[in-house]
Amino acid sequence: MLKSNVEIQVQKLVDESSGEDVGFDLGVKMVKDYYDATGTGTAQFVGKNIIEKILSQPECIGINIYNALNEKGEKTYVLVGLDKENNPILNITAVNLDGQIKHLEGIVADRSKVVQGWFDI
């Protein structure tokens, strides 16, 4: 792709292999460092069912997790599936049992639960 006569390589930011197991020790350090920097140490819980629904959307390679505020002004997260081009999955085309093409909205999830951390800070 060219922009203003400068060649720009289009590169995907993420793919299905993004993320890694950082282990307990580094995980604890990362959470504690965040607590030390911000003074907050709670977690948000998202259930398996909605995560599986998001991941089972056609072409979904993973989930973007956005910081958000709910209707009460409380911190939460919004989860959105991404396709292989790193686009949010906001619309889905599907064929129903009668063979008719159907257009559905992609899943944009919230309603997670605030929980205490998994270790004492």
C-alpha atoms as a PDB file:
ATOM      1  CA  MET A   1       0.000   0.000   0.000  1.00  0.00           C
ATOM      2  CA  LEU A   2       1.263   3.480  -0.812  1.00  0.00           C
ATOM      3  CA  LYS A   3       0.418   6.615   1.091  1.00  0.00           C
ATOM      4  CA  SER A   4       1.967   9.929   0.022  1.00  0.00           C
ATOM      5  CA  ASN A   5       4.553   8.003  -2.033  1.00  0.00           C
ATOM      6  CA  VAL A   6       5.787   6.241   1.099  1.00  0.00           C
ATOM      7  CA  GLU A   7       5.432   2.494   1.188  1.00  0.00           C
ATOM      8  CA  ILE A   8       3.524   1.300   4.226  1.00  0.00           C
ATOM      9  CA  GLN A   9       3.396  -2.358   5.150  1.00  0.00           C
ATOM     10  CA  VAL A  10      -0.028  -3.425   6.308  1.00  0.00           C
ATOM     11  CA  GLN A  11       0.480  -5.653   9.297  1.00  0.00           C
ATOM     12  CA  LYS A  12      -2.062  -7.305  11.513  1.00  0.00           C
ATOM     13  CA  LEU A  13      -1.752  -6.227  15.119  1.00  0.00           C
ATOM     14  CA  VAL A  14      -2.997  -9.499  16.574  1.00  0.00           C
ATOM     15  CA  ASP A  15      -3.730 -13.058  15.547  1.00  0.00           C
ATOM     16  CA  GLU A  16      -5.053 -16.226  17.172  1.00  0.00           C
ATOM     17  CA  SER A  17      -1.672 -16.894  18.809  1.00  0.00           C
ATOM     18  CA  SER A  18      -1.615 -13.561  20.726  1.00  0.00           C
ATOM     19  CA  GLY A  19      -1.229 -13.881  24.492  1.00  0.00           C
ATOM     20  CA  GLU A  20       0.814 -16.220  26.643  1.00  0.00           C
ATOM     21  CA  ASP A  21       0.895 -17.910  30.021  1.00  0.00           C
ATOM     22  CA  VAL A  22       2.982 -15.598  32.213  1.00  0.00           C
ATOM     23  CA  GLY A  23       2.871 -17.870  35.265  1.00  0.00           C
ATOM     24  CA  PHE A  24       1.858 -17.186  38.856  1.00  0.00           C
ATOM     25  CA  ASP A  25       4.907 -15.177  39.995  1.00  0.00           C
ATOM     26  CA  LEU A  26       4.876 -12.702  37.112  1.00  0.00           C
ATOM     27  CA  GLY A  27       1.083 -12.525  37.226  1.00  0.00           C
ATOM     28  CA  VAL A  28       1.168 -11.582  40.913  1.00  0.00           C
ATOM     29  CA  LYS A  29       3.861  -8.991  40.252  1.00  0.00           C
ATOM     30  CA  MET A  30       1.894  -7.439  37.381  1.00  0.00           C
ATOM     31  CA  VAL A  31      -1.310  -7.194  39.453  1.00  0.00           C
ATOM     32  CA  LYS A  32       0.579  -5.795  42.462  1.00  0.00           C
ATOM     33  CA  ASP A  33       2.399  -3.246  40.275  1.00  0.00           C
ATOM     34  CA  TYR A  34      -0.979  -2.104  38.935  1.00  0.00           C
ATOM     35  CA  TYR A  35      -2.366  -1.835  42.468  1.00  0.00           C
ATOM     36  CA  ASP A  36       0.689   0.124  43.611  1.00  0.00           C
ATOM     37  CA  ALA A  37       0.301   2.523  40.669  1.00  0.00           C
ATOM     38  CA  THR A  38      -3.489   2.999  40.828  1.00  0.00           C
ATOM     39  CA  GLY A  39      -4.676   2.010  44.302  1.00  0.00           C
ATOM     40  CA  THR A  40      -7.299  -0.361  42.913  1.00  0.00           C
ATOM     41  CA  GLY A  41      -7.115  -4.111  43.225  1.00  0.00           C
ATOM     42  CA  THR A  42     -10.419  -5.659  42.197  1.00  0.00           C
ATOM     43  CA  ALA A  43     -11.045  -7.901  39.228  1.00  0.00           C
ATOM     44  CA  GLN A  44     -13.874  -8.289  36.707  1.00  0.00           C
ATOM     45  CA  PHE A  45     -15.301 -11.767  36.196  1.00  0.00           C
ATOM     46  CA  VAL A  46     -16.674 -12.791  32.798  1.00  0.00           C
ATOM     47  CA  GLY A  47     -18.402 -16.155  32.550  1.00  0.00           C
ATOM     48  CA  LYS A  48     -17.472 -18.974  30.206  1.00  0.00           C
ATOM     49  CA  ASN A  49     -20.800 -18.897  28.332  1.00  0.00           C
ATOM     50  CA  ILE A  50     -20.449 -15.390  26.901  1.00  0.00           C
ATOM     51  CA  ILE A  51     -16.770 -15.925  26.106  1.00  0.00           C
ATOM     52  CA  GLU A  52     -17.642 -19.107  24.183  1.00  0.00           C
ATOM     53  CA  LYS A  53     -20.466 -17.275  22.341  1.00  0.00           C
ATOM     54  CA  ILE A  54     -18.081 -14.540  21.246  1.00  0.00           C
ATOM     55  CA  LEU A  55     -15.362 -16.999  20.170  1.00  0.00           C
ATOM     56  CA  SER A  56     -17.848 -19.170  18.267  1.00  0.00           C
ATOM     57  CA  GLN A  57     -18.861 -16.334  15.934  1.00  0.00           C
ATOM     58  CA  PRO A  58     -17.774 -17.008  12.343  1.00  0.00           C
ATOM     59  CA  GLU A  59     -14.183 -15.895  11.620  1.00  0.00           C
ATOM     60  CA  CYS A  60     -13.518 -14.934  15.275  1.00  0.00           C
ATOM     61  CA  ILE A  61      -9.827 -15.256  16.235  1.00  0.00           C
ATOM     62  CA  GLY A  62      -9.977 -13.677  19.685  1.00  0.00           C
ATOM     63  CA  ILE A  63     -11.469 -10.990  21.882  1.00  0.00           C
ATOM     64  CA  ASN A  64     -10.686  -7.303  22.362  1.00  0.00           C
ATOM     65  CA  ILE A  65     -11.326  -6.154  25.936  1.00  0.00           C
ATOM     66  CA  TYR A  66     -12.081  -2.460  26.278  1.00  0.00           C
ATOM     67  CA  ASN A  67     -12.057  -0.428  29.506  1.00  0.00           C
ATOM     68  CA  ALA A  68     -15.522   1.061  29.919  1.00  0.00           C
ATOM     69  CA  LEU A  69     -17.968   2.676  32.332  1.00  0.00           C
ATOM     70  CA  ASN A  70     -21.423   1.184  32.828  1.00  0.00           C
ATOM     71  CA  GLU A  71     -24.648   3.176  33.128  1.00  0.00           C
ATOM     72  CA  LYS A  72     -23.879   3.878  36.800  1.00  0.00           C
ATOM     73  CA  GLY A  73     -20.432   5.259  35.996  1.00  0.00           C
ATOM     74  CA  GLU A  74     -18.675   2.165  37.423  1.00  0.00           C
ATOM     75  CA  LYS A  75     -15.586   0.716  35.756  1.00  0.00           C
ATOM     76  CA  THR A  76     -16.282  -2.362  33.646  1.00  0.00           C
ATOM     77  CA  TYR A  77     -15.134  -3.955  30.410  1.00  0.00           C
ATOM     78  CA  VAL A  78     -16.739  -4.455  27.016  1.00  0.00           C
ATOM     79  CA  LEU A  79     -15.744  -7.565  25.059  1.00  0.00           C
ATOM     80  CA  VAL A  80     -15.888  -7.752  21.253  1.00  0.00           C
ATOM     81  CA  GLY A  81     -14.753 -10.541  18.935  1.00  0.00           C
ATOM     82  CA  LEU A  82     -12.148  -9.781  16.260  1.00  0.00           C
ATOM     83  CA  ASP A  83     -11.869 -11.356  12.833  1.00  0.00           C
ATOM     84  CA  LYS A  84      -8.620 -12.338  11.093  1.00  0.00           C
ATOM     85  CA  GLU A  85      -8.275  -8.816   9.667  1.00  0.00           C
ATOM     86  CA  ASN A  86      -8.463  -7.390  13.218  1.00  0.00           C
ATOM     87  CA  ASN A  87     -11.904  -5.914  12.579  1.00  0.00           C
ATOM     88  CA  PRO A  88     -14.534  -6.072  15.323  1.00  0.00           C
ATOM     89  CA  ILE A  89     -17.285  -8.573  14.555  1.00  0.00           C
ATOM     90  CA  LEU A  90     -20.338  -6.323  14.624  1.00  0.00           C
ATOM     91  CA  ASN A  91     -22.444  -7.998  11.940  1.00  0.00           C
ATOM     92  CA  ILE A  92     -22.810 -11.654  11.002  1.00  0.00           C
ATOM     93  CA  THR A  93     -24.350 -13.141   7.886  1.00  0.00           C
ATOM     94  CA  ALA A  94     -25.818 -16.581   8.490  1.00  0.00           C
ATOM     95  CA  VAL A  95     -28.095 -19.084   6.792  1.00  0.00           C
ATOM     96  CA  ASN A  96     -31.016 -20.324   8.889  1.00  0.00           C
ATOM     97  CA  LEU A  97     -32.519 -23.836   8.770  1.00  0.00           C
ATOM     98  CA  ASP A  98     -34.903 -22.794   5.966  1.00  0.00           C
ATOM     99  CA  GLY A  99     -31.938 -21.773   3.796  1.00  0.00           C
ATOM    100  CA  GLN A 100     -32.671 -18.054   4.142  1.00  0.00           C
ATOM    101  CA  ILE A 101     -29.836 -15.580   4.582  1.00  0.00           C
ATOM    102  CA  LYS A 102     -30.092 -13.790   7.879  1.00  0.00           C
ATOM    103  CA  HIS A 103     -28.157 -10.765   9.121  1.00  0.00           C
ATOM    104  CA  LEU A 104     -27.405 -10.732  12.853  1.00  0.00           C
ATOM    105  CA  GLU A 105     -25.626  -8.322  15.140  1.00  0.00           C
ATOM    106  CA  GLY A 106     -22.268  -9.449  16.498  1.00  0.00           C
ATOM    107  CA  ILE A 107     -21.939  -9.895  20.253  1.00  0.00           C
ATOM    108  CA  VAL A 108     -20.784  -6.885  22.254  1.00  0.00           C
ATOM    109  CA  ALA A 109     -20.637  -8.139  25.847  1.00  0.00           C
ATOM    110  CA  ASP A 110     -20.615  -6.706  29.342  1.00  0.00           C
ATOM    111  CA  ARG A 111     -22.399  -7.312  32.640  1.00  0.00           C
ATOM    112  CA  SER A 112     -19.301  -8.759  34.203  1.00  0.00           C
ATOM    113  CA  LYS A 113     -19.097  -9.007  37.976  1.00  0.00           C
ATOM    114  CA  VAL A 114     -16.642  -7.178  40.215  1.00  0.00           C
ATOM    115  CA  VAL A 115     -14.786  -9.648  42.418  1.00  0.00           C
ATOM    116  CA  GLN A 116     -11.938  -9.451  44.902  1.00  0.00           C
ATOM    117  CA  GLY A 117      -8.429 -10.241  43.705  1.00  0.00           C
ATOM    118  CA  TRP A 118      -7.035 -13.788  43.745  1.00  0.00           C
ATOM    119  CA  PHE A 119      -4.334 -12.999  46.273  1.00  0.00           C
ATOM    120  CA  ASP A 120      -3.790 -10.545  49.095  1.00  0.00           C
ATOM    121  CA  ILE A 121      -2.136  -7.367  47.923  1.00  0.00           C
END
